[in-house]
Amino acid sequence: MGNFFLTTLLAVAELERNMIMERTQAGKEIARTKDGFKDGRPKAYTEYQLKNAMDLLKSGTSYTEVVKMTGISKSTLIREKRKIAQ
């Protein structure tokens, strides 16, 4: 009897998961039809902010000082610097 209940609960959970996926996909399709839709996560910093931070680094300012001045994390600065170097 316990095996029956377990199988039934697993089936209901799988059904719910499939319904969530279908609703999510339907919502994405509706969103794509609207003006101004951008897929993915929005950028935290503008190109101007990143360029300004890179200019500060090139002028000899340390990462710690640039982080304090701009509020951009050190890991983001390192990632941006690597991207520019490529």
N, C-alpha and C. Protein backbone atom coordinates (compact mmCIF):
# COMPACT_ATOMS: atom_id res chain seq x y z
N MET A 1 0.82 -1.19 0.00
CA MET A 1 0.00 0.00 0.00
C MET A 1 0.88 1.27 0.00
N GLY A 2 1.99 1.23 0.76
CA GLY A 2 2.88 2.38 0.81
C GLY A 2 3.51 2.67 -0.54
N ASN A 3 3.84 1.62 -1.27
CA ASN A 3 4.42 1.78 -2.61
C ASN A 3 3.42 2.45 -3.56
N PHE A 4 2.14 2.12 -3.42
CA PHE A 4 1.10 2.73 -4.25
C PHE A 4 1.04 4.23 -4.00
N PHE A 5 1.04 4.63 -2.71
CA PHE A 5 0.97 6.05 -2.38
C PHE A 5 2.21 6.80 -2.87
N LEU A 6 3.36 6.18 -2.74
CA LEU A 6 4.59 6.80 -3.22
C LEU A 6 4.55 7.01 -4.72
N THR A 7 4.11 6.00 -5.45
CA THR A 7 4.01 6.10 -6.91
C THR A 7 3.01 7.18 -7.32
N THR A 8 1.90 7.25 -6.61
CA THR A 8 0.87 8.25 -6.91
C THR A 8 1.40 9.66 -6.64
N LEU A 9 2.08 9.86 -5.52
CA LEU A 9 2.64 11.17 -5.21
C LEU A 9 3.70 11.58 -6.23
N LEU A 10 4.52 10.64 -6.65
CA LEU A 10 5.53 10.96 -7.66
C LEU A 10 4.89 11.35 -8.98
N ALA A 11 3.81 10.68 -9.34
CA ALA A 11 3.11 11.02 -10.59
C ALA A 11 2.51 12.42 -10.51
N VAL A 12 1.92 12.76 -9.37
CA VAL A 12 1.34 14.10 -9.19
C VAL A 12 2.44 15.16 -9.23
N ALA A 13 3.56 14.87 -8.59
CA ALA A 13 4.68 15.83 -8.60
C ALA A 13 5.20 16.04 -10.01
N GLU A 14 5.31 14.99 -10.79
CA GLU A 14 5.77 15.11 -12.17
C GLU A 14 4.78 15.90 -13.01
N LEU A 15 3.48 15.66 -12.80
CA LEU A 15 2.45 16.40 -13.51
C LEU A 15 2.54 17.89 -13.19
N GLU A 16 2.70 18.22 -11.91
CA GLU A 16 2.82 19.62 -11.50
C GLU A 16 4.05 20.27 -12.11
N ARG A 17 5.16 19.56 -12.14
CA ARG A 17 6.39 20.09 -12.74
C ARG A 17 6.19 20.39 -14.22
N ASN A 18 5.53 19.48 -14.92
CA ASN A 18 5.26 19.69 -16.35
C ASN A 18 4.34 20.88 -16.57
N MET A 19 3.35 21.05 -15.69
CA MET A 19 2.43 22.18 -15.82
C MET A 19 3.17 23.50 -15.59
N ILE A 20 4.07 23.52 -14.61
CA ILE A 20 4.87 24.73 -14.35
C ILE A 20 5.72 25.08 -15.57
N MET A 21 6.35 24.07 -16.18
CA MET A 21 7.18 24.31 -17.37
C MET A 21 6.34 24.85 -18.52
N GLU A 22 5.14 24.30 -18.72
CA GLU A 22 4.26 24.78 -19.79
C GLU A 22 3.83 26.22 -19.56
N ARG A 23 3.47 26.56 -18.32
CA ARG A 23 3.06 27.93 -18.02
C ARG A 23 4.22 28.90 -18.19
N THR A 24 5.42 28.49 -17.81
CA THR A 24 6.60 29.33 -17.96
C THR A 24 6.88 29.60 -19.43
N GLN A 25 6.83 28.57 -20.24
CA GLN A 25 7.07 28.74 -21.68
C GLN A 25 6.01 29.63 -22.31
N ALA A 26 4.75 29.46 -21.90
CA ALA A 26 3.68 30.31 -22.44
C ALA A 26 3.91 31.77 -22.06
N GLY A 27 4.34 32.01 -20.82
CA GLY A 27 4.62 33.37 -20.39
C GLY A 27 5.77 33.99 -21.15
N LYS A 28 6.80 33.20 -21.44
CA LYS A 28 7.93 33.70 -22.23
C LYS A 28 7.49 34.05 -23.65
N GLU A 29 6.65 33.23 -24.23
CA GLU A 29 6.17 33.52 -25.59
C GLU A 29 5.37 34.82 -25.62
N ILE A 30 4.54 35.04 -24.62
CA ILE A 30 3.77 36.29 -24.54
C ILE A 30 4.71 37.47 -24.37
N ALA A 31 5.72 37.33 -23.51
CA ALA A 31 6.67 38.41 -23.26
C ALA A 31 7.46 38.75 -24.52
N ARG A 32 7.80 37.75 -25.33
CA ARG A 32 8.59 38.00 -26.55
C ARG A 32 7.82 38.84 -27.56
N THR A 33 6.50 38.81 -27.50
CA THR A 33 5.71 39.59 -28.46
C THR A 33 5.65 41.07 -28.09
N LYS A 34 6.01 41.42 -26.87
CA LYS A 34 5.92 42.81 -26.41
C LYS A 34 7.18 43.58 -26.78
N ASP A 35 7.00 44.89 -27.00
CA ASP A 35 8.13 45.77 -27.31
C ASP A 35 9.06 45.89 -26.12
N GLY A 36 10.35 45.98 -26.40
CA GLY A 36 11.34 46.19 -25.36
C GLY A 36 11.73 44.93 -24.61
N PHE A 37 11.30 43.77 -25.06
CA PHE A 37 11.64 42.52 -24.38
C PHE A 37 13.10 42.19 -24.62
N LYS A 38 13.80 41.88 -23.54
CA LYS A 38 15.18 41.43 -23.63
C LYS A 38 15.28 40.13 -22.86
N ASP A 39 15.82 39.12 -23.50
CA ASP A 39 15.96 37.82 -22.87
C ASP A 39 17.15 37.84 -21.92
N GLY A 40 17.05 37.22 -20.79
CA GLY A 40 18.16 37.12 -19.86
C GLY A 40 18.14 38.19 -18.79
N ARG A 41 19.17 38.15 -17.99
CA ARG A 41 19.28 39.07 -16.87
C ARG A 41 19.78 40.43 -17.34
N PRO A 42 19.21 41.53 -16.84
CA PRO A 42 19.69 42.85 -17.25
C PRO A 42 21.09 43.13 -16.70
N LYS A 43 21.83 43.96 -17.42
CA LYS A 43 23.18 44.32 -17.01
C LYS A 43 23.13 45.20 -15.76
N ALA A 44 24.05 44.96 -14.84
CA ALA A 44 24.08 45.73 -13.59
C ALA A 44 24.74 47.09 -13.81
N TYR A 45 25.70 47.17 -14.75
CA TYR A 45 26.44 48.41 -14.97
C TYR A 45 26.38 48.77 -16.45
N THR A 46 26.40 50.07 -16.71
CA THR A 46 26.38 50.53 -18.10
C THR A 46 27.79 50.44 -18.68
N GLU A 47 27.87 50.53 -19.99
CA GLU A 47 29.18 50.52 -20.66
C GLU A 47 30.03 51.71 -20.19
N TYR A 48 29.37 52.85 -19.95
CA TYR A 48 30.08 54.03 -19.49
C TYR A 48 30.72 53.80 -18.13
N GLN A 49 29.97 53.18 -17.21
CA GLN A 49 30.50 52.91 -15.87
C GLN A 49 31.71 51.97 -15.94
N LEU A 50 31.60 50.93 -16.75
CA LEU A 50 32.71 49.97 -16.88
C LEU A 50 33.92 50.62 -17.54
N LYS A 51 33.67 51.45 -18.56
CA LYS A 51 34.78 52.12 -19.24
C LYS A 51 35.48 53.07 -18.28
N ASN A 52 34.71 53.78 -17.48
CA ASN A 52 35.28 54.69 -16.50
C ASN A 52 36.15 53.92 -15.50
N ALA A 53 35.67 52.78 -15.03
CA ALA A 53 36.43 51.97 -14.08
C ALA A 53 37.71 51.45 -14.72
N MET A 54 37.64 51.04 -15.99
CA MET A 54 38.83 50.54 -16.68
C MET A 54 39.85 51.66 -16.87
N ASP A 55 39.36 52.86 -17.16
CA ASP A 55 40.26 54.01 -17.28
C ASP A 55 40.97 54.30 -15.96
N LEU A 56 40.25 54.17 -14.87
CA LEU A 56 40.87 54.36 -13.55
C LEU A 56 41.95 53.32 -13.29
N LEU A 57 41.69 52.08 -13.67
CA LEU A 57 42.69 51.03 -13.48
C LEU A 57 43.92 51.28 -14.34
N LYS A 58 43.71 51.74 -15.57
CA LYS A 58 44.83 52.02 -16.47
C LYS A 58 45.69 53.17 -15.96
N SER A 59 45.07 54.09 -15.22
CA SER A 59 45.83 55.24 -14.72
C SER A 59 46.64 54.89 -13.48
N GLY A 60 46.58 53.63 -13.04
CA GLY A 60 47.40 53.22 -11.92
C GLY A 60 46.67 53.12 -10.60
N THR A 61 45.38 53.36 -10.60
CA THR A 61 44.59 53.24 -9.38
C THR A 61 44.42 51.76 -9.05
N SER A 62 44.50 51.43 -7.77
CA SER A 62 44.38 50.02 -7.37
C SER A 62 42.93 49.54 -7.47
N TYR A 63 42.79 48.22 -7.51
CA TYR A 63 41.45 47.64 -7.56
C TYR A 63 40.61 48.08 -6.36
N THR A 64 41.21 48.09 -5.19
CA THR A 64 40.49 48.45 -3.97
C THR A 64 39.96 49.88 -4.05
N GLU A 65 40.76 50.79 -4.56
CA GLU A 65 40.32 52.18 -4.68
C GLU A 65 39.22 52.32 -5.72
N VAL A 66 39.35 51.58 -6.84
CA VAL A 66 38.32 51.64 -7.88
C VAL A 66 37.01 51.08 -7.35
N VAL A 67 37.08 50.01 -6.57
CA VAL A 67 35.87 49.44 -5.98
C VAL A 67 35.19 50.46 -5.08
N LYS A 68 35.97 51.17 -4.27
CA LYS A 68 35.41 52.18 -3.37
C LYS A 68 34.80 53.34 -4.14
N MET A 69 35.45 53.75 -5.23
CA MET A 69 34.95 54.90 -6.00
C MET A 69 33.73 54.58 -6.84
N THR A 70 33.70 53.40 -7.44
CA THR A 70 32.64 53.08 -8.39
C THR A 70 31.55 52.18 -7.84
N GLY A 71 31.87 51.39 -6.83
CA GLY A 71 30.89 50.44 -6.31
C GLY A 71 30.82 49.15 -7.11
N ILE A 72 31.69 49.01 -8.10
CA ILE A 72 31.74 47.81 -8.91
C ILE A 72 32.67 46.82 -8.22
N SER A 73 32.25 45.56 -8.11
CA SER A 73 33.04 44.58 -7.37
C SER A 73 34.35 44.28 -8.09
N LYS A 74 35.32 43.79 -7.31
CA LYS A 74 36.64 43.48 -7.85
C LYS A 74 36.55 42.37 -8.89
N SER A 75 35.71 41.38 -8.64
CA SER A 75 35.57 40.28 -9.60
C SER A 75 35.01 40.76 -10.94
N THR A 76 34.08 41.71 -10.89
CA THR A 76 33.54 42.28 -12.13
C THR A 76 34.61 43.06 -12.87
N LEU A 77 35.43 43.80 -12.14
CA LEU A 77 36.52 44.56 -12.77
C LEU A 77 37.53 43.62 -13.44
N ILE A 78 37.88 42.54 -12.75
CA ILE A 78 38.82 41.58 -13.32
C ILE A 78 38.24 40.93 -14.56
N ARG A 79 36.96 40.56 -14.51
CA ARG A 79 36.29 39.95 -15.66
C ARG A 79 36.26 40.90 -16.85
N GLU A 80 35.96 42.16 -16.59
CA GLU A 80 35.91 43.16 -17.66
C GLU A 80 37.31 43.38 -18.26
N LYS A 81 38.33 43.41 -17.41
CA LYS A 81 39.69 43.60 -17.88
C LYS A 81 40.11 42.44 -18.78
N ARG A 82 39.76 41.22 -18.40
CA ARG A 82 40.06 40.05 -19.23
C ARG A 82 39.33 40.12 -20.56
N LYS A 83 38.08 40.57 -20.53
CA LYS A 83 37.28 40.67 -21.74
C LYS A 83 37.90 41.68 -22.72
N ILE A 84 38.40 42.79 -22.19
CA ILE A 84 39.03 43.81 -23.03
C ILE A 84 40.34 43.30 -23.61
N ALA A 85 41.10 42.52 -22.83
CA ALA A 85 42.41 42.01 -23.26
C ALA A 85 42.29 41.01 -24.40
N GLN A 86 41.15 40.39 -24.54
CA GLN A 86 41.00 39.37 -25.59
C GLN A 86 40.89 39.95 -26.94
